[in-house]
PDB file of N, CA and C in Angstrom:
ATOM      1  N   MET A   1      44.942 -35.493 -18.202  1.00  0.00           N
ATOM      2  CA  MET A   1      44.529 -34.835 -17.057  1.00  0.00           C
ATOM      3  C   MET A   1      42.941 -34.447 -16.604  1.00  0.00           C
ATOM      4  N   ARG A   2      43.061 -33.594 -15.475  1.00  0.00           N
ATOM      5  CA  ARG A   2      41.732 -33.281 -15.140  1.00  0.00           C
ATOM      6  C   ARG A   2      41.706 -31.915 -15.281  1.00  0.00           C
ATOM      7  N   PRO A   3      40.106 -31.741 -16.059  1.00  0.00           N
ATOM      8  CA  PRO A   3      39.585 -30.240 -16.617  1.00  0.00           C
ATOM      9  C   PRO A   3      39.384 -29.538 -15.092  1.00  0.00           C
ATOM     10  N   ALA A   4      39.430 -28.432 -15.016  1.00  0.00           N
ATOM     11  CA  ALA A   4      39.769 -27.407 -14.122  1.00  0.00           C
ATOM     12  C   ALA A   4      38.450 -27.125 -13.224  1.00  0.00           C
ATOM     13  N   SER A   5      38.292 -27.188 -12.358  1.00  0.00           N
ATOM     14  CA  SER A   5      37.059 -27.517 -11.915  1.00  0.00           C
ATOM     15  C   SER A   5      36.344 -25.671 -11.597  1.00  0.00           C
ATOM     16  N   HIS A   6      35.544 -25.845 -11.999  1.00  0.00           N
ATOM     17  CA  HIS A   6      34.357 -23.996 -12.195  1.00  0.00           C
ATOM     18  C   HIS A   6      33.986 -24.223 -10.390  1.00  0.00           C
ATOM     19  N   SER A   7      34.371 -23.227  -9.428  1.00  0.00           N
ATOM     20  CA  SER A   7      33.172 -22.925  -8.323  1.00  0.00           C
ATOM     21  C   SER A   7      31.946 -22.237  -8.748  1.00  0.00           C
ATOM     22  N   ALA A   8      30.525 -22.584  -7.853  1.00  0.00           N
ATOM     23  CA  ALA A   8      29.407 -22.412  -8.528  1.00  0.00           C
ATOM     24  C   ALA A   8      29.215 -21.383  -7.593  1.00  0.00           C
ATOM     25  N   THR A   9      28.636 -20.137  -8.025  1.00  0.00           N
ATOM     26  CA  THR A   9      28.066 -19.549  -7.290  1.00  0.00           C
ATOM     27  C   THR A   9      26.942 -19.840  -6.929  1.00  0.00           C
ATOM     28  N   VAL A  10      26.799 -19.814  -4.912  1.00  0.00           N
ATOM     29  CA  VAL A  10      25.658 -20.205  -4.392  1.00  0.00           C
ATOM     30  C   VAL A  10      24.633 -18.830  -4.303  1.00  0.00           C
ATOM     31  N   ILE A  11      23.834 -18.474  -4.426  1.00  0.00           N
ATOM     32  CA  ILE A  11      22.468 -17.685  -4.041  1.00  0.00           C
ATOM     33  C   ILE A  11      21.442 -18.393  -3.295  1.00  0.00           C
ATOM     34  N   PRO A  12      21.438 -18.180  -2.083  1.00  0.00           N
ATOM     35  CA  PRO A  12      20.439 -18.218  -1.296  1.00  0.00           C
ATOM     36  C   PRO A  12      18.909 -17.304  -1.591  1.00  0.00           C
ATOM     37  N   PHE A  13      18.159 -19.019  -1.526  1.00  0.00           N
ATOM     38  CA  PHE A  13      16.935 -17.505  -1.807  1.00  0.00           C
ATOM     39  C   PHE A  13      16.218 -17.883  -0.524  1.00  0.00           C
ATOM     40  N   PRO A  14      15.734 -16.365  -0.121  1.00  0.00           N
ATOM     41  CA  PRO A  14      15.735 -16.136   0.944  1.00  0.00           C
ATOM     42  C   PRO A  14      14.248 -16.771   1.388  1.00  0.00           C
ATOM     43  N   GLY A  15      14.483 -17.276   2.714  1.00  0.00           N
ATOM     44  CA  GLY A  15      13.765 -17.649   3.878  1.00  0.00           C
ATOM     45  C   GLY A  15      12.700 -16.876   4.125  1.00  0.00           C
ATOM     46  N   ARG A  16      11.415 -17.471   4.945  1.00  0.00           N
ATOM     47  CA  ARG A  16      10.678 -16.726   5.891  1.00  0.00           C
ATOM     48  C   ARG A  16      11.652 -15.518   6.955  1.00  0.00           C
ATOM     49  N   ARG A  17      10.867 -13.970   7.089  1.00  0.00           N
ATOM     50  CA  ARG A  17      11.330 -13.213   7.533  1.00  0.00           C
ATOM     51  C   ARG A  17      11.488 -13.663   9.335  1.00  0.00           C
ATOM     52  N   ALA A  18      12.584 -13.119  10.046  1.00  0.00           N
ATOM     53  CA  ALA A  18      12.802 -13.595  11.524  1.00  0.00           C
ATOM     54  C   ALA A  18      11.549 -12.411  12.199  1.00  0.00           C
ATOM     55  N   THR A  19      11.529 -11.411  11.225  1.00  0.00           N
ATOM     56  CA  THR A  19      10.191 -10.026  11.989  1.00  0.00           C
ATOM     57  C   THR A  19       9.512 -10.383  11.284  1.00  0.00           C
ATOM     58  N   PRO A  20       8.193 -10.183  11.547  1.00  0.00           N
ATOM     59  CA  PRO A  20       6.940 -10.008  11.153  1.00  0.00           C
ATOM     60  C   PRO A  20       6.776  -8.793  10.253  1.00  0.00           C
ATOM     61  N   PHE A  21       6.405  -8.528   8.715  1.00  0.00           N
ATOM     62  CA  PHE A  21       6.322  -7.325   8.161  1.00  0.00           C
ATOM     63  C   PHE A  21       5.404  -6.473   9.280  1.00  0.00           C
ATOM     64  N   ALA A  22       6.387  -4.915   8.677  1.00  0.00           N
ATOM     65  CA  ALA A  22       5.803  -3.654   9.620  1.00  0.00           C
ATOM     66  C   ALA A  22       4.381  -3.129   8.608  1.00  0.00           C
ATOM     67  N   ALA A  23       3.651  -2.716   9.348  1.00  0.00           N
ATOM     68  CA  ALA A  23       2.664  -2.106   9.564  1.00  0.00           C
ATOM     69  C   ALA A  23       2.208  -0.997   7.837  1.00  0.00           C
ATOM     70  N   GLY A  24       3.260  -0.381   7.789  1.00  0.00           N
ATOM     71  CA  GLY A  24       2.958   0.019   6.596  1.00  0.00           C
ATOM     72  C   GLY A  24       3.728  -0.169   5.626  1.00  0.00           C
ATOM     73  N   GLU A  25       4.410  -1.399   5.389  1.00  0.00           N
ATOM     74  CA  GLU A  25       4.405  -1.827   4.092  1.00  0.00           C
ATOM     75  C   GLU A  25       3.915  -2.399   2.951  1.00  0.00           C
ATOM     76  N   PRO A  26       4.249  -2.080   1.237  1.00  0.00           N
ATOM     77  CA  PRO A  26       2.700  -2.154   1.043  1.00  0.00           C
ATOM     78  C   PRO A  26       2.159  -3.804   0.539  1.00  0.00           C
ATOM     79  N   LYS A  27       2.532  -4.988   1.269  1.00  0.00           N
ATOM     80  CA  LYS A  27       2.333  -6.057   1.005  1.00  0.00           C
ATOM     81  C   LYS A  27       0.729  -6.376   1.655  1.00  0.00           C
ATOM     82  N   ASP A  28       1.303  -5.918   3.389  1.00  0.00           N
ATOM     83  CA  ASP A  28       0.386  -5.676   4.268  1.00  0.00           C
ATOM     84  C   ASP A  28      -0.356  -4.724   3.865  1.00  0.00           C
ATOM     85  N   ILE A  29      -0.737  -3.633   3.381  1.00  0.00           N
ATOM     86  CA  ILE A  29      -2.019  -2.560   2.513  1.00  0.00           C
ATOM     87  C   ILE A  29      -2.306  -3.528   1.693  1.00  0.00           C
ATOM     88  N   LEU A  30      -1.888  -3.640   0.965  1.00  0.00           N
ATOM     89  CA  LEU A  30      -2.543  -4.633  -0.230  1.00  0.00           C
ATOM     90  C   LEU A  30      -3.723  -5.876   0.364  1.00  0.00           C
ATOM     91  N   ASP A  31      -3.143  -6.551   1.477  1.00  0.00           N
ATOM     92  CA  ASP A  31      -3.775  -7.359   1.899  1.00  0.00           C
ATOM     93  C   ASP A  31      -5.061  -6.884   2.421  1.00  0.00           C
ATOM     94  N   THR A  32      -4.882  -6.328   3.621  1.00  0.00           N
ATOM     95  CA  THR A  32      -5.903  -5.428   4.682  1.00  0.00           C
ATOM     96  C   THR A  32      -6.520  -4.790   3.609  1.00  0.00           C
ATOM     97  N   VAL A  33      -6.727  -4.308   2.622  1.00  0.00           N
ATOM     98  CA  VAL A  33      -7.874  -3.322   1.962  1.00  0.00           C
ATOM     99  C   VAL A  33      -8.113  -4.396   0.714  1.00  0.00           C
ATOM    100  N   TYR A  34      -7.073  -5.603   0.354  1.00  0.00           N
ATOM    101  CA  TYR A  34      -8.486  -6.511  -0.516  1.00  0.00           C
ATOM    102  C   TYR A  34      -9.056  -7.405   0.074  1.00  0.00           C
ATOM    103  N   THR A  35      -8.992  -7.801   1.245  1.00  0.00           N
ATOM    104  CA  THR A  35      -9.675  -8.479   2.156  1.00  0.00           C
ATOM    105  C   THR A  35     -10.823  -7.858   2.745  1.00  0.00           C
ATOM    106  N   ALA A  36     -10.533  -7.146   3.877  1.00  0.00           N
ATOM    107  CA  ALA A  36     -11.727  -5.819   4.252  1.00  0.00           C
ATOM    108  C   ALA A  36     -12.701  -5.289   3.070  1.00  0.00           C
ATOM    109  N   GLY A  37     -12.224  -4.733   2.490  1.00  0.00           N
ATOM    110  CA  GLY A  37     -12.652  -3.739   1.138  1.00  0.00           C
ATOM    111  C   GLY A  37     -12.382  -2.267   1.476  1.00  0.00           C
ATOM    112  N   ALA A  38     -11.695  -1.906   2.531  1.00  0.00           N
ATOM    113  CA  ALA A  38     -11.489  -0.923   2.860  1.00  0.00           C
ATOM    114  C   ALA A  38     -10.697  -0.428   4.394  1.00  0.00           C
ATOM    115  N   MET A  39      -9.638   0.511   4.227  1.00  0.00           N
ATOM    116  CA  MET A  39      -8.787   1.119   5.052  1.00  0.00           C
ATOM    117  C   MET A  39      -8.717   2.227   5.671  1.00  0.00           C
ATOM    118  N   PRO A  40      -8.628   2.858   7.026  1.00  0.00           N
ATOM    119  CA  PRO A  40      -8.552   3.705   7.756  1.00  0.00           C
ATOM    120  C   PRO A  40      -7.250   4.006   7.661  1.00  0.00           C
ATOM    121  N   VAL A  41      -6.727   5.276   7.128  1.00  0.00           N
ATOM    122  CA  VAL A  41      -5.312   5.554   7.747  1.00  0.00           C
ATOM    123  C   VAL A  41      -5.525   7.560   8.652  1.00  0.00           C
ATOM    124  N   ALA A  42      -4.552   6.830   9.682  1.00  0.00           N
ATOM    125  CA  ALA A  42      -4.536   8.001  10.495  1.00  0.00           C
ATOM    126  C   ALA A  42      -3.827   9.359  10.011  1.00  0.00           C
ATOM    127  N   ALA A  43      -4.755  10.720  10.644  1.00  0.00           N
ATOM    128  CA  ALA A  43      -3.774  11.685   9.811  1.00  0.00           C
ATOM    129  C   ALA A  43      -2.204  11.432   9.864  1.00  0.00           C
ATOM    130  N   GLU A  44      -2.240  11.272  11.311  1.00  0.00           N
ATOM    131  CA  GLU A  44      -0.532  11.703  11.271  1.00  0.00           C
ATOM    132  C   GLU A  44       0.567  10.514  10.668  1.00  0.00           C
ATOM    133  N   ASP A  45      -0.214   8.693  10.335  1.00  0.00           N
ATOM    134  CA  ASP A  45       0.686   7.790   9.874  1.00  0.00           C
ATOM    135  C   ASP A  45       1.133   8.700   8.565  1.00  0.00           C
ATOM    136  N   ARG A  46       2.392   8.871   8.338  1.00  0.00           N
ATOM    137  CA  ARG A  46       3.135   9.094   7.454  1.00  0.00           C
ATOM    138  C   ARG A  46       4.089   8.114   6.706  1.00  0.00           C
ATOM    139  N   ALA A  47       3.885   7.236   7.642  1.00  0.00           N
ATOM    140  CA  ALA A  47       4.770   5.861   6.889  1.00  0.00           C
ATOM    141  C   ALA A  47       3.415   5.057   5.848  1.00  0.00           C
ATOM    142  N   THR A  48       2.209   4.874   6.773  1.00  0.00           N
ATOM    143  CA  THR A  48       1.471   4.629   5.939  1.00  0.00           C
ATOM    144  C   THR A  48       1.227   5.083   4.753  1.00  0.00           C
ATOM    145  N   LYS A  49       0.879   6.478   4.750  1.00  0.00           N
ATOM    146  CA  LYS A  49       0.581   7.278   3.697  1.00  0.00           C
ATOM    147  C   LYS A  49       1.524   7.393   3.129  1.00  0.00           C
ATOM    148  N   ALA A  50       2.996   7.410   3.080  1.00  0.00           N
ATOM    149  CA  ALA A  50       3.836   6.982   2.033  1.00  0.00           C
ATOM    150  C   ALA A  50       3.607   5.735   1.313  1.00  0.00           C
ATOM    151  N   ALA A  51       3.414   4.459   1.592  1.00  0.00           N
ATOM    152  CA  ALA A  51       3.310   3.438   0.822  1.00  0.00           C
ATOM    153  C   ALA A  51       1.741   3.188   0.216  1.00  0.00           C
ATOM    154  N   VAL A  52       0.953   4.319   0.468  1.00  0.00           N
ATOM    155  CA  VAL A  52      -0.353   4.106   0.461  1.00  0.00           C
ATOM    156  C   VAL A  52      -0.285   4.962  -1.226  1.00  0.00           C
ATOM    157  N   ALA A  53       0.811   6.281  -1.255  1.00  0.00           N
ATOM    158  CA  ALA A  53       0.877   7.351  -2.171  1.00  0.00           C
ATOM    159  C   ALA A  53       1.279   6.308  -3.960  1.00  0.00           C
ATOM    160  N   ARG A  54       2.442   5.485  -2.719  1.00  0.00           N
ATOM    161  CA  ARG A  54       2.940   4.947  -3.975  1.00  0.00           C
ATOM    162  C   ARG A  54       2.121   3.569  -4.582  1.00  0.00           C
ATOM    163  N   LEU A  55       1.284   3.240  -4.041  1.00  0.00           N
ATOM    164  CA  LEU A  55       0.523   2.049  -4.651  1.00  0.00           C
ATOM    165  C   LEU A  55      -0.308   2.503  -5.994  1.00  0.00           C
ATOM    166  N   HIS A  56      -1.088   3.804  -5.048  1.00  0.00           N
ATOM    167  CA  HIS A  56      -2.097   4.363  -5.409  1.00  0.00           C
ATOM    168  C   HIS A  56      -1.565   4.981  -6.888  1.00  0.00           C
ATOM    169  N   LEU A  57      -0.412   5.589  -7.114  1.00  0.00           N
ATOM    170  CA  LEU A  57       0.054   6.260  -8.472  1.00  0.00           C
ATOM    171  C   LEU A  57      -0.178   4.822  -9.432  1.00  0.00           C
ATOM    172  N   PHE A  58       0.031   3.769  -8.805  1.00  0.00           N
ATOM    173  CA  PHE A  58      -0.254   1.997  -9.806  1.00  0.00           C
ATOM    174  C   PHE A  58      -1.095   1.851 -10.117  1.00  0.00           C
ATOM    175  N   GLY A  59      -2.417   2.810  -9.403  1.00  0.00           N
ATOM    176  CA  GLY A  59      -3.965   2.623  -9.800  1.00  0.00           C
ATOM    177  C   GLY A  59      -4.494   1.072  -8.829  1.00  0.00           C
ATOM    178  N   PHE A  60      -3.951   0.705  -7.645  1.00  0.00           N
ATOM    179  CA  PHE A  60      -4.223  -0.343  -6.670  1.00  0.00           C
ATOM    180  C   PHE A  60      -5.784   0.181  -5.924  1.00  0.00           C
ATOM    181  N   PHE A  61      -5.736   1.505  -5.931  1.00  0.00           N
ATOM    182  CA  PHE A  61      -6.781   1.778  -4.772  1.00  0.00           C
ATOM    183  C   PHE A  61      -7.445   2.801  -5.206  1.00  0.00           C
ATOM    184  N   VAL A  62      -8.379   3.134  -4.293  1.00  0.00           N
ATOM    185  CA  VAL A  62      -8.979   4.732  -4.422  1.00  0.00           C
ATOM    186  C   VAL A  62      -8.950   5.436  -3.351  1.00  0.00           C
ATOM    187  N   VAL A  63      -8.125   6.248  -2.772  1.00  0.00           N
ATOM    188  CA  VAL A  63      -7.788   6.864  -1.715  1.00  0.00           C
ATOM    189  C   VAL A  63      -9.169   7.843  -1.908  1.00  0.00           C
ATOM    190  N   GLU A  64      -9.308   8.646  -0.469  1.00  0.00           N
ATOM    191  CA  GLU A  64     -10.158   9.753   0.270  1.00  0.00           C
ATOM    192  C   GLU A  64     -10.039  10.155   1.137  1.00  0.00           C
ATOM    193  N   GLU A  65     -10.001  11.576   1.020  1.00  0.00           N
ATOM    194  CA  GLU A  65      -9.380  11.682   2.100  1.00  0.00           C
ATOM    195  C   GLU A  65     -11.014  12.758   3.098  1.00  0.00           C
ATOM    196  N   ILE A  66     -10.923  12.502   4.079  1.00  0.00           N
ATOM    197  CA  ILE A  66     -11.778  12.562   5.281  1.00  0.00           C
ATOM    198  C   ILE A  66     -12.072  14.089   5.794  1.00  0.00           C
ATOM    199  N   GLU A  67     -12.986  14.622   5.061  1.00  0.00           N
ATOM    200  CA  GLU A  67     -13.007  16.623   5.365  1.00  0.00           C
ATOM    201  C   GLU A  67     -13.433  16.526   6.919  1.00  0.00           C
ATOM    202  N   ASP A  68     -13.551  17.283   7.820  1.00  0.00           N
ATOM    203  CA  ASP A  68     -13.847  17.413   9.134  1.00  0.00           C
ATOM    204  C   ASP A  68     -15.159  17.365   9.287  1.00  0.00           C
ATOM    205  N   ASP A  69     -16.017  17.691   8.448  1.00  0.00           N
ATOM    206  CA  ASP A  69     -17.505  17.537   8.407  1.00  0.00           C
ATOM    207  C   ASP A  69     -17.961  16.038   8.251  1.00  0.00           C
ATOM    208  N   GLY A  70     -16.768  15.266   7.961  1.00  0.00           N
ATOM    209  CA  GLY A  70     -16.762  13.662   7.355  1.00  0.00           C
ATOM    210  C   GLY A  70     -17.237  13.168   6.102  1.00  0.00           C
ATOM    211  N   ARG A  71     -17.526  14.253   5.259  1.00  0.00           N
ATOM    212  CA  ARG A  71     -17.524  14.137   3.798  1.00  0.00           C
ATOM    213  C   ARG A  71     -16.189  13.224   3.171  1.00  0.00           C
ATOM    214  N   ALA A  72     -16.219  12.270   2.884  1.00  0.00           N
ATOM    215  CA  ALA A  72     -15.025  11.886   1.736  1.00  0.00           C
ATOM    216  C   ALA A  72     -14.474  12.667   0.247  1.00  0.00           C
ATOM    217  N   ARG A  73     -13.686  12.903   0.441  1.00  0.00           N
ATOM    218  CA  ARG A  73     -13.058  13.512  -0.952  1.00  0.00           C
ATOM    219  C   ARG A  73     -12.020  12.704  -1.987  1.00  0.00           C
ATOM    220  N   THR A  74     -12.191  12.469  -2.817  1.00  0.00           N
ATOM    221  CA  THR A  74     -11.520  11.254  -3.430  1.00  0.00           C
ATOM    222  C   THR A  74     -10.217  12.265  -4.178  1.00  0.00           C
ATOM    223  N   MET A  75      -9.058  11.571  -3.855  1.00  0.00           N
ATOM    224  CA  MET A  75      -7.772  12.322  -4.249  1.00  0.00           C
ATOM    225  C   MET A  75      -6.863  11.849  -5.604  1.00  0.00           C
ATOM    226  N   LEU A  76      -6.761  12.261  -6.162  1.00  0.00           N
ATOM    227  CA  LEU A  76      -5.390  12.000  -7.392  1.00  0.00           C
ATOM    228  C   LEU A  76      -4.241  11.526  -6.856  1.00  0.00           C
ATOM    229  N   PRO A  77      -3.322  10.659  -7.836  1.00  0.00           N
ATOM    230  CA  PRO A  77      -2.418  10.225  -7.092  1.00  0.00           C
ATOM    231  C   PRO A  77      -1.444  11.706  -7.023  1.00  0.00           C
ATOM    232  N   SER A  78      -1.519  12.692  -7.917  1.00  0.00           N
ATOM    233  CA  SER A  78      -0.299  13.734  -7.415  1.00  0.00           C
ATOM    234  C   SER A  78      -1.047  13.950  -6.285  1.00  0.00           C
ATOM    235  N   GLU A  79      -2.172  14.179  -5.276  1.00  0.00           N
ATOM    236  CA  GLU A  79      -2.533  14.777  -4.282  1.00  0.00           C
ATOM    237  C   GLU A  79      -1.861  13.945  -2.733  1.00  0.00           C
ATOM    238  N   THR A  80      -1.644  12.766  -3.376  1.00  0.00           N
ATOM    239  CA  THR A  80      -1.458  11.785  -2.228  1.00  0.00           C
ATOM    240  C   THR A  80      -0.138  11.665  -2.297  1.00  0.00           C
ATOM    241  N   MET A  81       0.604  12.320  -3.119  1.00  0.00           N
ATOM    242  CA  MET A  81       2.081  12.544  -3.321  1.00  0.00           C
ATOM    243  C   MET A  81       2.484  13.222  -1.905  1.00  0.00           C
ATOM    244  N   ARG A  82       1.641  14.397  -1.513  1.00  0.00           N
ATOM    245  CA  ARG A  82       2.491  15.648  -1.313  1.00  0.00           C
ATOM    246  C   ARG A  82       2.276  15.077   0.687  1.00  0.00           C
ATOM    247  N   LEU A  83       1.634  13.609   0.571  1.00  0.00           N
ATOM    248  CA  LEU A  83       1.480  13.391   1.863  1.00  0.00           C
ATOM    249  C   LEU A  83       0.557  14.630   3.470  1.00  0.00           C
ATOM    250  N   ASP A  84      -0.170  15.077   2.782  1.00  0.00           N
ATOM    251  CA  ASP A  84      -1.024  16.322   3.925  1.00  0.00           C
ATOM    252  C   ASP A  84      -1.264  15.248   5.075  1.00  0.00           C
ATOM    253  N   MET A  85      -0.912  16.526   6.229  1.00  0.00           N
ATOM    254  CA  MET A  85      -1.041  15.254   7.858  1.00  0.00           C
ATOM    255  C   MET A  85      -2.133  15.947   7.982  1.00  0.00           C
ATOM    256  N   SER A  86      -2.827  16.826   7.814  1.00  0.00           N
ATOM    257  CA  SER A  86      -4.096  17.295   8.528  1.00  0.00           C
ATOM    258  C   SER A  86      -5.195  16.209   8.580  1.00  0.00           C
ATOM    259  N   ARG A  87      -5.724  15.559   7.246  1.00  0.00           N
ATOM    260  CA  ARG A  87      -6.577  14.882   7.472  1.00  0.00           C
ATOM    261  C   ARG A  87      -6.681  13.313   7.104  1.00  0.00           C
ATOM    262  N   PRO A  88      -7.181  13.011   7.927  1.00  0.00           N
ATOM    263  CA  PRO A  88      -6.950  10.870   7.738  1.00  0.00           C
ATOM    264  C   PRO A  88      -7.822  10.343   6.118  1.00  0.00           C
ATOM    265  N   TRP A  89      -7.179   9.507   5.927  1.00  0.00           N
ATOM    266  CA  TRP A  89      -7.625   8.711   4.472  1.00  0.00           C
ATOM    267  C   TRP A  89      -8.338   8.051   4.594  1.00  0.00           C
ATOM    268  N   ARG A  90      -9.230   7.558   3.421  1.00  0.00           N
ATOM    269  CA  ARG A  90      -9.647   6.453   3.465  1.00  0.00           C
ATOM    270  C   ARG A  90      -9.189   5.221   2.054  1.00  0.00           C
ATOM    271  N   ILE A  91      -8.687   4.457   2.033  1.00  0.00           N
ATOM    272  CA  ILE A  91      -8.507   3.773   1.457  1.00  0.00           C
ATOM    273  C   ILE A  91      -9.527   2.382   1.286  1.00  0.00           C
ATOM    274  N   SER A  92      -9.981   2.702  -0.042  1.00  0.00           N
ATOM    275  CA  SER A  92     -10.829   1.537  -0.606  1.00  0.00           C
ATOM    276  C   SER A  92     -10.298   0.818  -1.928  1.00  0.00           C
ATOM    277  N   ARG A  93     -10.501  -0.346  -2.362  1.00  0.00           N
ATOM    278  CA  ARG A  93     -10.032  -1.177  -3.206  1.00  0.00           C
ATOM    279  C   ARG A  93     -10.908  -1.081  -4.954  1.00  0.00           C
ATOM    280  N   ARG A  94     -10.383  -0.958  -5.484  1.00  0.00           N
ATOM    281  CA  ARG A  94     -11.052  -0.346  -6.814  1.00  0.00           C
ATOM    282  C   ARG A  94     -11.594  -1.512  -7.878  1.00  0.00           C
ATOM    283  N   HIS A  95     -12.773  -2.239  -7.972  1.00  0.00           N
ATOM    284  CA  HIS A  95     -13.272  -3.058  -8.399  1.00  0.00           C
ATOM    285  C   HIS A  95     -12.986  -2.867 -10.081  1.00  0.00           C
ATOM    286  N   ALA A  96     -13.217  -3.769 -11.275  1.00  0.00           N
ATOM    287  CA  ALA A  96     -13.490  -3.981 -12.597  1.00  0.00           C
ATOM    288  C   ALA A  96     -14.543  -2.749 -12.865  1.00  0.00           C
ATOM    289  N   GLY A  97     -14.152  -1.923 -13.417  1.00  0.00           N
ATOM    290  CA  GLY A  97     -14.838  -1.145 -14.109  1.00  0.00           C
ATOM    291  C   GLY A  97     -14.706   0.632 -13.578  1.00  0.00           C
ATOM    292  N   GLY A  98     -13.759   0.525 -12.453  1.00  0.00           N
ATOM    293  CA  GLY A  98     -13.012   1.504 -11.780  1.00  0.00           C
ATOM    294  C   GLY A  98     -14.196   2.205 -10.754  1.00  0.00           C
ATOM    295  N   ARG A  99     -15.266   1.522 -10.667  1.00  0.00           N
ATOM    296  CA  ARG A  99     -15.973   1.652  -9.595  1.00  0.00           C
ATOM    297  C   ARG A  99     -15.398   0.664  -8.324  1.00  0.00           C
ATOM    298  N   THR A 100     -15.629   1.939  -7.141  1.00  0.00           N
ATOM    299  CA  THR A 100     -14.964   1.804  -5.775  1.00  0.00           C
ATOM    300  C   THR A 100     -15.543   0.676  -4.781  1.00  0.00           C
ATOM    301  N   ALA A 101     -15.462   0.175  -3.755  1.00  0.00           N
ATOM    302  CA  ALA A 101     -16.008  -1.170  -3.217  1.00  0.00           C
ATOM    303  C   ALA A 101     -17.248   0.250  -1.671  1.00  0.00           C
ATOM    304  N   SER A 102     -18.249  -0.673  -2.094  1.00  0.00           N
ATOM    305  CA  SER A 102     -19.424  -0.134  -1.460  1.00  0.00           C
ATOM    306  C   SER A 102     -18.853  -0.224   0.377  1.00  0.00           C
ATOM    307  N   LEU A 103     -18.934   1.042   1.100  1.00  0.00           N
ATOM    308  CA  LEU A 103     -18.236   0.837   2.608  1.00  0.00           C
ATOM    309  C   LEU A 103     -19.467   1.568   3.355  1.00  0.00           C
ATOM    310  N   ALA A 104     -20.651   1.009   2.816  1.00  0.00           N
ATOM    311  CA  ALA A 104     -22.316   0.790   3.708  1.00  0.00           C
ATOM    312  C   ALA A 104     -22.091   0.009   4.403  1.00  0.00           C
TER     313      ALA A 104
END
């Protein structure tokens, strides 16, 4: 008597993407900020701001809103979640000890 054969469920491991990552994807944002130290985000770039807001919530970045006179104001995660489109943002990486990267 032969044992009953069991069919194996095969789940393919995803390979490389056919298309490159979109600019607003969290992985690309993390790579850019951690490589360059900082990244500007245009005031009207809603997709990138939404991705940054999610990452900011977990403490990956320091997000600053650039005022009309050029001054930077550090934003809280609750502020970034509002996705205000009136001013651009500057995203910088957080160093050990909570200090931001030097942008000078």
